[in-house]
Structures are given as C-alpha cells and as structure tokens.
N, C-alpha and C. Protein backbone atom coordinates (compact mmCIF):
# COMPACT_ATOMS: atom_id res chain seq x y z
N MET A 1 0.84 -1.20 0.00
CA MET A 1 0.00 0.00 0.00
C MET A 1 0.88 1.25 0.00
N ASP A 2 0.37 2.33 -0.57
CA ASP A 2 1.08 3.60 -0.56
C ASP A 2 0.95 4.25 0.81
N SER A 3 2.03 4.86 1.28
CA SER A 3 1.99 5.53 2.57
C SER A 3 1.24 6.84 2.44
N VAL A 4 0.31 7.06 3.37
CA VAL A 4 -0.47 8.29 3.38
C VAL A 4 0.21 9.34 4.24
N SER A 5 0.70 8.92 5.41
CA SER A 5 1.28 9.86 6.36
C SER A 5 2.79 9.98 6.25
N GLY A 6 3.40 9.04 5.52
CA GLY A 6 4.86 8.99 5.48
C GLY A 6 5.42 8.04 6.52
N VAL A 7 4.56 7.51 7.40
CA VAL A 7 4.96 6.51 8.40
C VAL A 7 4.21 5.23 8.06
N GLY A 8 4.86 4.38 7.30
CA GLY A 8 4.19 3.21 6.73
C GLY A 8 3.54 2.30 7.74
N VAL A 9 4.22 2.02 8.85
CA VAL A 9 3.66 1.08 9.82
C VAL A 9 2.40 1.67 10.46
N LEU A 10 2.37 2.98 10.66
CA LEU A 10 1.17 3.62 11.21
C LEU A 10 0.02 3.53 10.22
N ASP A 11 0.30 3.79 8.96
CA ASP A 11 -0.75 3.70 7.93
C ASP A 11 -1.33 2.30 7.87
N LYS A 12 -0.49 1.28 8.01
CA LYS A 12 -0.96 -0.11 7.96
C LYS A 12 -1.81 -0.43 9.18
N GLY A 13 -1.41 0.10 10.34
CA GLY A 13 -2.21 -0.12 11.55
C GLY A 13 -3.59 0.50 11.43
N VAL A 14 -3.65 1.72 10.89
CA VAL A 14 -4.95 2.38 10.69
C VAL A 14 -5.77 1.62 9.66
N LEU A 15 -5.13 1.09 8.63
CA LEU A 15 -5.83 0.29 7.62
C LEU A 15 -6.50 -0.92 8.28
N ILE A 16 -5.82 -1.54 9.20
CA ILE A 16 -6.40 -2.68 9.91
C ILE A 16 -7.59 -2.25 10.76
N LEU A 17 -7.45 -1.14 11.48
CA LEU A 17 -8.56 -0.67 12.31
C LEU A 17 -9.79 -0.33 11.47
N ARG A 18 -9.56 0.29 10.33
CA ARG A 18 -10.70 0.63 9.46
C ARG A 18 -11.36 -0.61 8.90
N ALA A 19 -10.57 -1.63 8.58
CA ALA A 19 -11.15 -2.88 8.09
C ALA A 19 -11.99 -3.53 9.18
N LEU A 20 -11.50 -3.50 10.42
CA LEU A 20 -12.23 -4.11 11.52
C LEU A 20 -13.46 -3.30 11.92
N SER A 21 -13.48 -2.02 11.55
CA SER A 21 -14.67 -1.21 11.86
C SER A 21 -15.88 -1.67 11.07
N ARG A 22 -15.64 -2.41 9.99
CA ARG A 22 -16.76 -2.90 9.16
C ARG A 22 -17.29 -4.24 9.65
N ALA A 23 -16.41 -5.07 10.21
CA ALA A 23 -16.84 -6.39 10.68
C ALA A 23 -15.67 -7.11 11.33
N PRO A 24 -15.93 -8.02 12.28
CA PRO A 24 -14.85 -8.85 12.81
C PRO A 24 -14.28 -9.72 11.69
N LEU A 25 -12.96 -9.95 11.73
CA LEU A 25 -12.31 -10.69 10.66
C LEU A 25 -11.30 -11.68 11.22
N ASP A 26 -11.27 -12.87 10.62
CA ASP A 26 -10.17 -13.77 10.97
C ASP A 26 -8.94 -13.33 10.17
N LEU A 27 -7.82 -13.99 10.38
CA LEU A 27 -6.58 -13.52 9.77
C LEU A 27 -6.64 -13.54 8.24
N ALA A 28 -7.22 -14.59 7.68
CA ALA A 28 -7.31 -14.67 6.21
C ALA A 28 -8.18 -13.54 5.66
N MET A 29 -9.29 -13.30 6.32
CA MET A 29 -10.19 -12.22 5.88
C MET A 29 -9.53 -10.86 6.06
N LEU A 30 -8.79 -10.69 7.16
CA LEU A 30 -8.09 -9.43 7.40
C LEU A 30 -7.06 -9.18 6.31
N GLN A 31 -6.36 -10.22 5.92
CA GLN A 31 -5.39 -10.10 4.84
C GLN A 31 -6.07 -9.69 3.54
N ASP A 32 -7.21 -10.31 3.24
CA ASP A 32 -7.94 -9.98 2.01
C ASP A 32 -8.44 -8.54 2.04
N GLU A 33 -8.96 -8.10 3.19
CA GLU A 33 -9.53 -6.76 3.31
C GLU A 33 -8.48 -5.67 3.20
N THR A 34 -7.30 -5.93 3.73
CA THR A 34 -6.26 -4.90 3.78
C THR A 34 -5.25 -4.99 2.64
N GLY A 35 -5.13 -6.18 2.06
CA GLY A 35 -4.11 -6.37 1.03
C GLY A 35 -2.71 -6.49 1.60
N LEU A 36 -2.60 -6.63 2.92
CA LEU A 36 -1.29 -6.77 3.55
C LEU A 36 -0.83 -8.21 3.51
N PRO A 37 0.48 -8.45 3.50
CA PRO A 37 0.97 -9.82 3.62
C PRO A 37 0.48 -10.46 4.92
N ARG A 38 0.28 -11.75 4.90
CA ARG A 38 -0.30 -12.44 6.06
C ARG A 38 0.50 -12.17 7.34
N ALA A 39 1.82 -12.29 7.24
CA ALA A 39 2.66 -12.11 8.42
C ALA A 39 2.56 -10.67 8.95
N THR A 40 2.50 -9.70 8.04
CA THR A 40 2.40 -8.29 8.45
C THR A 40 1.05 -8.02 9.12
N ALA A 41 -0.01 -8.53 8.52
CA ALA A 41 -1.34 -8.33 9.09
C ALA A 41 -1.42 -8.93 10.49
N HIS A 42 -0.87 -10.12 10.66
CA HIS A 42 -0.91 -10.78 11.97
C HIS A 42 -0.07 -10.01 12.99
N ARG A 43 1.13 -9.61 12.59
CA ARG A 43 2.03 -8.91 13.52
C ARG A 43 1.42 -7.60 14.00
N LEU A 44 0.85 -6.84 13.09
CA LEU A 44 0.28 -5.55 13.46
C LEU A 44 -1.02 -5.72 14.26
N ALA A 45 -1.84 -6.68 13.90
CA ALA A 45 -3.08 -6.91 14.64
C ALA A 45 -2.77 -7.32 16.08
N VAL A 46 -1.78 -8.16 16.27
CA VAL A 46 -1.40 -8.59 17.62
C VAL A 46 -0.81 -7.41 18.40
N ALA A 47 -0.02 -6.56 17.73
CA ALA A 47 0.54 -5.38 18.40
C ALA A 47 -0.58 -4.44 18.84
N LEU A 48 -1.58 -4.23 17.97
CA LEU A 48 -2.72 -3.40 18.32
C LEU A 48 -3.52 -4.02 19.46
N GLU A 49 -3.55 -5.34 19.49
CA GLU A 49 -4.25 -6.05 20.56
C GLU A 49 -3.58 -5.77 21.91
N HIS A 50 -2.27 -5.71 21.93
CA HIS A 50 -1.54 -5.43 23.17
C HIS A 50 -1.90 -4.04 23.73
N HIS A 51 -2.25 -3.12 22.85
CA HIS A 51 -2.62 -1.77 23.27
C HIS A 51 -4.12 -1.61 23.52
N GLY A 52 -4.88 -2.69 23.37
CA GLY A 52 -6.31 -2.64 23.61
C GLY A 52 -7.11 -2.06 22.47
N LEU A 53 -6.45 -1.78 21.33
CA LEU A 53 -7.15 -1.22 20.18
C LEU A 53 -7.81 -2.30 19.34
N VAL A 54 -7.35 -3.53 19.50
CA VAL A 54 -7.93 -4.70 18.84
C VAL A 54 -8.11 -5.77 19.90
N ARG A 55 -9.13 -6.61 19.75
CA ARG A 55 -9.35 -7.74 20.64
C ARG A 55 -9.81 -8.93 19.81
N ARG A 56 -10.03 -10.06 20.45
CA ARG A 56 -10.57 -11.25 19.77
C ARG A 56 -11.98 -11.52 20.29
N ASP A 57 -12.86 -11.88 19.37
CA ASP A 57 -14.21 -12.25 19.79
C ASP A 57 -14.23 -13.74 20.15
N PRO A 58 -15.36 -14.28 20.63
CA PRO A 58 -15.39 -15.69 21.04
C PRO A 58 -15.01 -16.67 19.93
N GLN A 59 -15.15 -16.25 18.66
CA GLN A 59 -14.76 -17.10 17.54
C GLN A 59 -13.29 -16.94 17.17
N GLY A 60 -12.57 -16.10 17.92
CA GLY A 60 -11.16 -15.90 17.66
C GLY A 60 -10.87 -14.89 16.57
N ARG A 61 -11.91 -14.21 16.08
CA ARG A 61 -11.70 -13.21 15.04
C ARG A 61 -11.22 -11.90 15.66
N PHE A 62 -10.45 -11.16 14.89
CA PHE A 62 -10.02 -9.83 15.33
C PHE A 62 -11.21 -8.86 15.22
N CYS A 63 -11.35 -7.98 16.20
CA CYS A 63 -12.37 -6.94 16.16
C CYS A 63 -11.86 -5.73 16.93
N LEU A 64 -12.57 -4.64 16.86
CA LEU A 64 -12.12 -3.42 17.51
C LEU A 64 -12.09 -3.60 19.03
N GLY A 65 -11.05 -3.02 19.66
CA GLY A 65 -10.85 -3.17 21.08
C GLY A 65 -11.57 -2.13 21.91
N PHE A 66 -11.76 -2.44 23.18
CA PHE A 66 -12.52 -1.56 24.07
C PHE A 66 -11.79 -0.26 24.39
N GLU A 67 -10.47 -0.24 24.24
CA GLU A 67 -9.74 0.99 24.50
C GLU A 67 -10.21 2.11 23.57
N LEU A 68 -10.70 1.73 22.39
CA LEU A 68 -11.21 2.75 21.46
C LEU A 68 -12.43 3.47 22.01
N ILE A 69 -13.21 2.81 22.86
CA ILE A 69 -14.36 3.46 23.48
C ILE A 69 -13.89 4.59 24.37
N ARG A 70 -12.87 4.32 25.19
CA ARG A 70 -12.34 5.37 26.08
C ARG A 70 -11.75 6.52 25.27
N LEU A 71 -11.01 6.19 24.23
CA LEU A 71 -10.41 7.23 23.41
C LEU A 71 -11.48 8.05 22.70
N GLY A 72 -12.52 7.38 22.22
CA GLY A 72 -13.60 8.08 21.55
C GLY A 72 -14.32 9.05 22.48
N ARG A 73 -14.56 8.61 23.71
CA ARG A 73 -15.21 9.49 24.68
C ARG A 73 -14.32 10.69 25.01
N ALA A 74 -13.03 10.44 25.13
CA ALA A 74 -12.11 11.54 25.41
C ALA A 74 -12.09 12.54 24.26
N ALA A 75 -12.11 12.04 23.02
CA ALA A 75 -12.12 12.92 21.86
C ALA A 75 -13.41 13.74 21.82
N GLU A 76 -14.53 13.11 22.17
CA GLU A 76 -15.81 13.81 22.16
C GLU A 76 -15.85 14.90 23.22
N GLU A 77 -15.26 14.62 24.39
CA GLU A 77 -15.23 15.61 25.46
C GLU A 77 -14.39 16.82 25.08
N GLU A 78 -13.37 16.60 24.25
CA GLU A 78 -12.51 17.69 23.81
C GLU A 78 -13.12 18.45 22.64
N PHE A 79 -14.28 17.99 22.16
CA PHE A 79 -14.94 18.62 21.03
C PHE A 79 -16.38 18.90 21.43
N PRO A 80 -16.63 19.99 22.17
CA PRO A 80 -17.96 20.24 22.75
C PRO A 80 -19.04 20.65 21.74
N LEU A 81 -18.66 20.86 20.48
CA LEU A 81 -19.64 21.32 19.50
C LEU A 81 -20.83 20.37 19.40
N ALA A 82 -20.57 19.07 19.49
CA ALA A 82 -21.66 18.10 19.37
C ALA A 82 -22.70 18.29 20.47
N ASP A 83 -22.25 18.46 21.72
CA ASP A 83 -23.18 18.64 22.83
C ASP A 83 -23.91 19.97 22.75
N ILE A 84 -23.19 21.02 22.34
CA ILE A 84 -23.80 22.35 22.25
C ILE A 84 -24.93 22.37 21.22
N THR A 85 -24.74 21.66 20.11
CA THR A 85 -25.69 21.74 19.00
C THR A 85 -26.82 20.72 19.06
N ARG A 86 -26.67 19.70 19.88
CA ARG A 86 -27.64 18.60 19.86
C ARG A 86 -29.09 19.03 20.11
N PRO A 87 -29.38 19.94 21.07
CA PRO A 87 -30.79 20.32 21.28
C PRO A 87 -31.43 20.94 20.03
N VAL A 88 -30.70 21.77 19.32
CA VAL A 88 -31.24 22.40 18.11
C VAL A 88 -31.43 21.34 17.02
N LEU A 89 -30.47 20.45 16.88
CA LEU A 89 -30.58 19.40 15.87
C LEU A 89 -31.73 18.46 16.17
N THR A 90 -31.93 18.15 17.44
CA THR A 90 -33.04 17.28 17.82
C THR A 90 -34.37 17.95 17.50
N ALA A 91 -34.47 19.24 17.76
CA ALA A 91 -35.71 19.97 17.46
C ALA A 91 -35.98 19.97 15.96
N LEU A 92 -34.92 20.11 15.14
CA LEU A 92 -35.08 20.08 13.69
C LEU A 92 -35.55 18.71 13.24
N ARG A 93 -34.96 17.66 13.78
CA ARG A 93 -35.38 16.29 13.42
C ARG A 93 -36.83 16.06 13.80
N ASP A 94 -37.22 16.49 15.02
CA ASP A 94 -38.58 16.25 15.48
C ASP A 94 -39.61 17.06 14.68
N ALA A 95 -39.23 18.27 14.26
CA ALA A 95 -40.16 19.12 13.53
C ALA A 95 -40.37 18.63 12.10
N THR A 96 -39.34 18.06 11.50
CA THR A 96 -39.44 17.63 10.09
C THR A 96 -39.68 16.13 9.94
N GLY A 97 -39.30 15.37 10.95
CA GLY A 97 -39.40 13.92 10.86
C GLY A 97 -38.30 13.29 10.04
N GLU A 98 -37.32 14.08 9.57
CA GLU A 98 -36.26 13.57 8.71
C GLU A 98 -34.93 13.46 9.46
N SER A 99 -34.01 12.70 8.90
CA SER A 99 -32.70 12.53 9.51
C SER A 99 -31.92 13.83 9.46
N VAL A 100 -31.19 14.09 10.52
CA VAL A 100 -30.41 15.33 10.64
C VAL A 100 -28.98 14.97 11.02
N GLN A 101 -28.02 15.64 10.39
CA GLN A 101 -26.62 15.41 10.69
C GLN A 101 -25.89 16.75 10.88
N LEU A 102 -24.79 16.69 11.60
CA LEU A 102 -23.87 17.82 11.71
C LEU A 102 -22.51 17.34 11.22
N TYR A 103 -21.95 18.08 10.26
CA TYR A 103 -20.65 17.73 9.68
C TYR A 103 -19.63 18.81 9.96
N VAL A 104 -18.39 18.39 10.12
CA VAL A 104 -17.27 19.33 10.19
C VAL A 104 -16.23 18.88 9.16
N ALA A 105 -15.44 19.83 8.69
CA ALA A 105 -14.37 19.49 7.76
C ALA A 105 -13.31 18.68 8.49
N ASP A 106 -12.80 17.66 7.83
CA ASP A 106 -11.76 16.80 8.41
C ASP A 106 -10.81 16.41 7.30
N GLY A 107 -9.70 17.13 7.18
CA GLY A 107 -8.78 16.88 6.09
C GLY A 107 -9.43 17.20 4.77
N GLU A 108 -9.43 16.22 3.87
CA GLU A 108 -10.04 16.41 2.56
C GLU A 108 -11.47 15.87 2.51
N GLY A 109 -12.04 15.57 3.68
CA GLY A 109 -13.40 15.05 3.73
C GLY A 109 -14.24 15.81 4.74
N ARG A 110 -15.40 15.26 5.04
CA ARG A 110 -16.30 15.83 6.05
C ARG A 110 -16.70 14.72 7.01
N ARG A 111 -16.61 15.03 8.28
CA ARG A 111 -16.87 14.04 9.32
C ARG A 111 -18.24 14.30 9.94
N CYS A 112 -19.05 13.25 10.05
CA CYS A 112 -20.35 13.36 10.70
C CYS A 112 -20.14 13.24 12.21
N VAL A 113 -20.37 14.34 12.94
CA VAL A 113 -20.13 14.33 14.38
C VAL A 113 -21.43 14.16 15.18
N VAL A 114 -22.56 14.40 14.56
CA VAL A 114 -23.86 14.12 15.17
C VAL A 114 -24.76 13.54 14.09
N SER A 115 -25.46 12.47 14.40
CA SER A 115 -26.39 11.87 13.45
C SER A 115 -27.66 11.46 14.19
N LEU A 116 -28.78 12.07 13.81
CA LEU A 116 -30.07 11.78 14.42
C LEU A 116 -30.98 11.16 13.36
N GLU A 117 -31.49 9.98 13.64
CA GLU A 117 -32.26 9.25 12.64
C GLU A 117 -33.69 9.78 12.52
N SER A 118 -34.22 9.65 11.32
CA SER A 118 -35.60 10.01 11.04
C SER A 118 -36.56 9.15 11.85
N THR A 119 -37.73 9.68 12.09
CA THR A 119 -38.77 8.92 12.78
C THR A 119 -39.53 8.00 11.83
N HIS A 120 -39.28 8.13 10.51
CA HIS A 120 -39.93 7.30 9.51
C HIS A 120 -39.25 5.93 9.41
N GLY A 121 -40.02 4.93 8.99
CA GLY A 121 -39.45 3.61 8.77
C GLY A 121 -38.45 3.62 7.63
N LEU A 122 -38.80 4.32 6.54
CA LEU A 122 -37.89 4.47 5.41
C LEU A 122 -37.06 5.72 5.66
N ARG A 123 -35.76 5.56 5.88
CA ARG A 123 -34.93 6.70 6.24
C ARG A 123 -33.51 6.52 5.74
N TRP A 124 -32.81 7.63 5.70
CA TRP A 124 -31.42 7.65 5.28
C TRP A 124 -30.56 7.79 6.53
N ILE A 125 -29.67 6.82 6.76
CA ILE A 125 -28.86 6.80 7.97
C ILE A 125 -27.40 7.06 7.64
N VAL A 126 -26.82 8.04 8.29
CA VAL A 126 -25.38 8.29 8.20
C VAL A 126 -24.78 7.94 9.56
N PRO A 127 -23.89 6.96 9.62
CA PRO A 127 -23.31 6.59 10.92
C PRO A 127 -22.53 7.76 11.53
N GLN A 128 -22.73 7.99 12.82
CA GLN A 128 -21.95 9.02 13.50
C GLN A 128 -20.48 8.63 13.44
N GLY A 129 -19.64 9.57 13.05
CA GLY A 129 -18.22 9.29 12.88
C GLY A 129 -17.82 9.01 11.45
N ALA A 130 -18.80 8.83 10.55
CA ALA A 130 -18.50 8.53 9.16
C ALA A 130 -17.74 9.68 8.50
N LEU A 131 -16.76 9.31 7.66
CA LEU A 131 -16.02 10.30 6.88
C LEU A 131 -16.48 10.22 5.44
N LEU A 132 -17.04 11.33 4.93
CA LEU A 132 -17.60 11.38 3.58
C LEU A 132 -16.84 12.41 2.76
N PRO A 133 -16.96 12.35 1.43
CA PRO A 133 -16.23 13.30 0.58
C PRO A 133 -16.78 14.72 0.66
N LEU A 134 -15.90 15.67 0.46
CA LEU A 134 -16.31 17.07 0.43
C LEU A 134 -16.90 17.47 -0.91
N ASP A 135 -16.53 16.77 -1.96
CA ASP A 135 -16.90 17.20 -3.30
C ASP A 135 -18.25 16.66 -3.77
N ARG A 136 -18.96 15.94 -2.89
CA ARG A 136 -20.29 15.45 -3.25
C ARG A 136 -21.22 15.63 -2.06
N GLY A 137 -22.43 16.12 -2.34
CA GLY A 137 -23.41 16.32 -1.29
C GLY A 137 -23.50 17.76 -0.85
N SER A 138 -24.67 18.12 -0.35
CA SER A 138 -24.91 19.52 0.02
C SER A 138 -24.04 19.97 1.19
N ALA A 139 -23.78 19.09 2.16
CA ALA A 139 -22.97 19.49 3.31
C ALA A 139 -21.54 19.80 2.89
N GLY A 140 -21.03 19.05 1.92
CA GLY A 140 -19.68 19.32 1.42
C GLY A 140 -19.58 20.71 0.82
N ARG A 141 -20.57 21.11 0.04
CA ARG A 141 -20.53 22.43 -0.58
C ARG A 141 -20.63 23.54 0.46
N VAL A 142 -21.41 23.29 1.51
CA VAL A 142 -21.50 24.28 2.57
C VAL A 142 -20.15 24.43 3.29
N LEU A 143 -19.50 23.33 3.58
CA LEU A 143 -18.20 23.39 4.25
C LEU A 143 -17.14 24.03 3.36
N LEU A 144 -17.38 24.02 2.05
CA LEU A 144 -16.46 24.68 1.13
C LEU A 144 -16.80 26.15 0.91
N GLY A 145 -17.87 26.63 1.58
CA GLY A 145 -18.13 28.07 1.51
C GLY A 145 -19.54 28.51 1.18
N ALA A 146 -20.40 27.61 0.69
CA ALA A 146 -21.77 28.00 0.38
C ALA A 146 -22.55 28.23 1.67
N ASP A 147 -23.49 29.16 1.65
CA ASP A 147 -24.30 29.43 2.84
C ASP A 147 -25.38 28.37 3.00
N ILE A 148 -25.97 27.96 1.88
CA ILE A 148 -26.98 26.90 1.89
C ILE A 148 -26.87 26.17 0.57
N ALA A 149 -27.11 24.86 0.59
CA ALA A 149 -26.98 24.07 -0.64
C ALA A 149 -27.91 22.87 -0.56
N GLU A 150 -28.26 22.34 -1.72
CA GLU A 150 -29.08 21.14 -1.79
C GLU A 150 -28.42 20.14 -2.73
N SER A 151 -28.79 18.89 -2.58
CA SER A 151 -28.32 17.86 -3.52
C SER A 151 -29.41 16.81 -3.66
N VAL A 152 -29.49 16.25 -4.85
CA VAL A 152 -30.48 15.22 -5.15
C VAL A 152 -29.77 14.07 -5.86
N GLU A 153 -29.73 12.92 -5.21
CA GLU A 153 -29.10 11.73 -5.76
C GLU A 153 -27.67 12.01 -6.24
N GLU A 154 -26.98 12.85 -5.52
CA GLU A 154 -25.62 13.22 -5.92
C GLU A 154 -24.59 12.21 -5.41
N ARG A 155 -24.78 11.76 -4.18
CA ARG A 155 -23.85 10.80 -3.60
C ARG A 155 -24.44 9.40 -3.54
N GLU A 156 -25.74 9.31 -3.31
CA GLU A 156 -26.42 8.03 -3.23
C GLU A 156 -27.74 8.09 -4.00
N PRO A 157 -28.07 7.07 -4.79
CA PRO A 157 -29.34 7.06 -5.51
C PRO A 157 -30.52 7.11 -4.53
N GLY A 158 -31.53 7.92 -4.88
CA GLY A 158 -32.74 7.99 -4.08
C GLY A 158 -32.67 8.87 -2.86
N VAL A 159 -31.54 9.56 -2.64
CA VAL A 159 -31.36 10.38 -1.44
C VAL A 159 -31.22 11.85 -1.81
N ALA A 160 -31.91 12.69 -1.06
CA ALA A 160 -31.81 14.14 -1.24
C ALA A 160 -31.42 14.77 0.08
N SER A 161 -30.83 15.96 0.01
CA SER A 161 -30.45 16.65 1.25
C SER A 161 -30.41 18.15 1.03
N VAL A 162 -30.48 18.87 2.14
CA VAL A 162 -30.29 20.32 2.13
C VAL A 162 -29.48 20.66 3.37
N SER A 163 -28.48 21.52 3.21
CA SER A 163 -27.56 21.85 4.30
C SER A 163 -27.35 23.36 4.38
N ALA A 164 -27.01 23.83 5.59
CA ALA A 164 -26.74 25.25 5.80
C ALA A 164 -25.53 25.40 6.72
N ALA A 165 -24.89 26.56 6.59
CA ALA A 165 -23.62 26.80 7.29
C ALA A 165 -23.82 27.25 8.73
N VAL A 166 -23.00 26.71 9.61
CA VAL A 166 -22.87 27.17 10.99
C VAL A 166 -21.56 27.94 11.08
N ARG A 167 -21.61 29.16 11.55
CA ARG A 167 -20.42 30.02 11.55
C ARG A 167 -20.02 30.43 12.96
N ASP A 168 -18.73 30.73 13.12
CA ASP A 168 -18.26 31.25 14.41
C ASP A 168 -18.43 32.76 14.44
N ARG A 169 -17.98 33.39 15.50
CA ARG A 169 -18.21 34.83 15.66
C ARG A 169 -17.45 35.66 14.63
N LYS A 170 -16.45 35.07 13.97
CA LYS A 170 -15.72 35.78 12.92
C LYS A 170 -16.32 35.53 11.54
N GLY A 171 -17.37 34.73 11.48
CA GLY A 171 -18.02 34.45 10.21
C GLY A 171 -17.47 33.26 9.47
N HIS A 172 -16.52 32.54 10.08
CA HIS A 172 -15.96 31.36 9.42
C HIS A 172 -16.90 30.16 9.56
N VAL A 173 -17.01 29.38 8.51
CA VAL A 173 -17.84 28.18 8.56
C VAL A 173 -17.15 27.13 9.42
N VAL A 174 -17.82 26.69 10.47
CA VAL A 174 -17.24 25.69 11.37
C VAL A 174 -17.95 24.35 11.26
N ALA A 175 -19.15 24.36 10.68
CA ALA A 175 -19.90 23.11 10.57
C ALA A 175 -21.02 23.30 9.55
N ALA A 176 -21.61 22.19 9.17
CA ALA A 176 -22.77 22.21 8.28
C ALA A 176 -23.87 21.37 8.91
N VAL A 177 -25.05 21.96 9.09
CA VAL A 177 -26.20 21.19 9.53
C VAL A 177 -26.93 20.71 8.29
N SER A 178 -27.26 19.42 8.28
CA SER A 178 -27.82 18.81 7.08
C SER A 178 -29.06 18.00 7.41
N LEU A 179 -30.05 18.09 6.54
CA LEU A 179 -31.27 17.29 6.65
C LEU A 179 -31.33 16.42 5.40
N SER A 180 -31.51 15.12 5.60
CA SER A 180 -31.46 14.21 4.45
C SER A 180 -32.53 13.13 4.56
N GLY A 181 -32.89 12.58 3.42
CA GLY A 181 -33.90 11.53 3.40
C GLY A 181 -34.23 11.12 1.98
N PRO A 182 -35.19 10.24 1.82
CA PRO A 182 -35.58 9.76 0.49
C PRO A 182 -36.13 10.89 -0.38
N VAL A 183 -35.81 10.84 -1.65
CA VAL A 183 -36.31 11.84 -2.59
C VAL A 183 -37.84 11.88 -2.58
N GLU A 184 -38.46 10.73 -2.34
CA GLU A 184 -39.92 10.67 -2.33
C GLU A 184 -40.53 11.63 -1.32
N ARG A 185 -39.83 11.86 -0.20
CA ARG A 185 -40.35 12.78 0.81
C ARG A 185 -39.75 14.18 0.70
N LEU A 186 -38.47 14.26 0.44
CA LEU A 186 -37.82 15.58 0.37
C LEU A 186 -38.08 16.26 -0.96
N SER A 187 -38.48 15.51 -1.98
CA SER A 187 -38.73 16.00 -3.33
C SER A 187 -37.40 16.26 -4.05
N ARG A 188 -37.50 16.67 -5.29
CA ARG A 188 -36.29 16.99 -6.05
C ARG A 188 -35.88 18.45 -5.85
N GLU A 189 -36.58 19.13 -4.95
CA GLU A 189 -36.22 20.49 -4.56
C GLU A 189 -36.23 20.59 -3.04
N PRO A 190 -35.32 19.87 -2.39
CA PRO A 190 -35.34 19.83 -0.93
C PRO A 190 -35.13 21.19 -0.26
N GLN A 191 -34.40 22.08 -0.95
CA GLN A 191 -34.20 23.40 -0.36
C GLN A 191 -35.51 24.18 -0.29
N GLN A 192 -36.34 24.01 -1.31
CA GLN A 192 -37.63 24.70 -1.31
C GLN A 192 -38.52 24.15 -0.21
N ARG A 193 -38.42 22.85 0.05
CA ARG A 193 -39.31 22.24 1.05
C ARG A 193 -38.82 22.45 2.48
N PHE A 194 -37.52 22.27 2.71
CA PHE A 194 -37.02 22.31 4.08
C PHE A 194 -35.92 23.34 4.30
N GLY A 195 -35.57 24.09 3.26
CA GLY A 195 -34.46 25.02 3.37
C GLY A 195 -34.60 26.04 4.49
N GLN A 196 -35.81 26.57 4.68
CA GLN A 196 -36.00 27.60 5.71
C GLN A 196 -35.78 27.02 7.10
N GLN A 197 -36.28 25.83 7.35
CA GLN A 197 -36.10 25.21 8.66
C GLN A 197 -34.64 24.89 8.93
N VAL A 198 -33.94 24.41 7.90
CA VAL A 198 -32.51 24.10 8.07
C VAL A 198 -31.72 25.39 8.28
N ALA A 199 -32.06 26.43 7.54
CA ALA A 199 -31.37 27.72 7.70
C ALA A 199 -31.62 28.30 9.09
N ASP A 200 -32.84 28.18 9.58
CA ASP A 200 -33.16 28.68 10.92
C ASP A 200 -32.35 27.91 11.97
N ALA A 201 -32.24 26.59 11.79
CA ALA A 201 -31.45 25.80 12.73
C ALA A 201 -29.98 26.21 12.68
N ALA A 202 -29.47 26.47 11.47
CA ALA A 202 -28.08 26.89 11.33
C ALA A 202 -27.83 28.22 12.03
N ARG A 203 -28.81 29.14 11.93
CA ARG A 203 -28.66 30.43 12.62
C ARG A 203 -28.66 30.23 14.14
N ALA A 204 -29.52 29.35 14.61
CA ALA A 204 -29.57 29.09 16.05
C ALA A 204 -28.25 28.47 16.53
N LEU A 205 -27.70 27.59 15.71
CA LEU A 205 -26.42 26.97 16.07
C LEU A 205 -25.29 27.98 16.02
N THR A 206 -25.35 28.89 15.06
CA THR A 206 -24.34 29.94 14.97
C THR A 206 -24.36 30.79 16.23
N SER A 207 -25.55 31.12 16.70
CA SER A 207 -25.66 31.89 17.95
C SER A 207 -25.10 31.10 19.14
N ALA A 208 -25.37 29.79 19.15
CA ALA A 208 -24.92 28.96 20.28
C ALA A 208 -23.40 28.84 20.32
N VAL A 209 -22.78 28.64 19.16
CA VAL A 209 -21.32 28.43 19.15
C VAL A 209 -20.56 29.75 19.24
N SER A 210 -21.25 30.88 19.04
CA SER A 210 -20.58 32.18 19.08
C SER A 210 -20.60 32.81 20.46
N ARG A 211 -21.24 32.17 21.42
CA ARG A 211 -21.33 32.76 22.77
C ARG A 211 -19.99 32.70 23.48
C-alpha cells in the first residue's frame, strides 16, 4: 500500500482498524480486506491487541478493542460542538421527521459528528463518525463556503439533502447542519421544502457556538 502519512507502519495499523470497523475478521479475511501480507497483518493486529485497540471475539476473530471506546469518549469531550448543538438538531429532526446530521471538515473530507435518525421507517442513515467526501453532497458544498446548498441523488441514488452553514463569531464556517432523506419525501427540490427550517437551525447553532 502507498503511505499516506509517510509513516508506513502507522498507515498499515490504521488500515487494519478501518477494516475491523466494518466487521470482525479472521486472519485470512483481514489479509484480504487490507491487502497486507499475512505475516504483516498478523504482527500488526497482535501489536494493536496489546494496546487494547484490537481484541478477539469468542470465535477468535479480530475486532475493535474496548480501548477505542475510552479514546472516543475523550475525543468527544474535547470537542464540545456536538453537545452544544444537539438540542437544536433534535428539534429540527422532530419538527421535520427527517434525519439530521452535523458535519465538520476533516482533512479532505467531512466528518459526521452528530447523526439523528428520522422517525420514519424508510430513512437515510449516516453513521456518526463517518467520513464522507467534500466534493459530493450539500454538506460538502456548505463546508467549502456556500451558505446553503441542496443535492439530489448526488452521492447516493434515491437520497436528497439540504444543508446550511454554521459560523463562528468571525463568520468562518465551522460546521454544516444537514437534513437528508428519500427523494420521495424531500422531493427533487429539498431546499424549497425544508431550506427555511434548516437555515433557521443553522442560525440558532451559529448563535450557540458564538457565545
């Protein structure tokens, strides 16, 4: 594999963790998922296990370790934006019945830091913590500078969204609040249907983060 950070062993360790985030894997499956040589995959997985970042399930498969829970909680505590914005995001979800997310820029992508599921049976779910591209979807365009944006089947077939910018006291975009769901409900003009509510939520969040 090509080194992303310039530290090859670190990149390979992260590759293993990301593979295990999708499902528990035995050594052969881990090798297939990562493309690493069998000996390398085993050596790094066992090393990560020593640090609590990887563990074995009852079937002996490698899976994510419990130490990641502690690290995740620590990271969340150091990033209060999620807690500050949750009441407004919950109100938006309850008022519209649609899924609501909060994204922040993360490198060359956008990270979902809050994800609230729709109350409908048919819904669009973005896992909290998911890293998505900046160049597709309404939230990506907002994080790149748009005040409000919409997208229809741009990243996933059958899904529409509308997003608005959350800004700090200097006017810089710090996050994007996004409402997403099936095109059948949001229509092919989601901004016309839900844009005002999303924009109002973004303004409320801007006030909250600017205090």
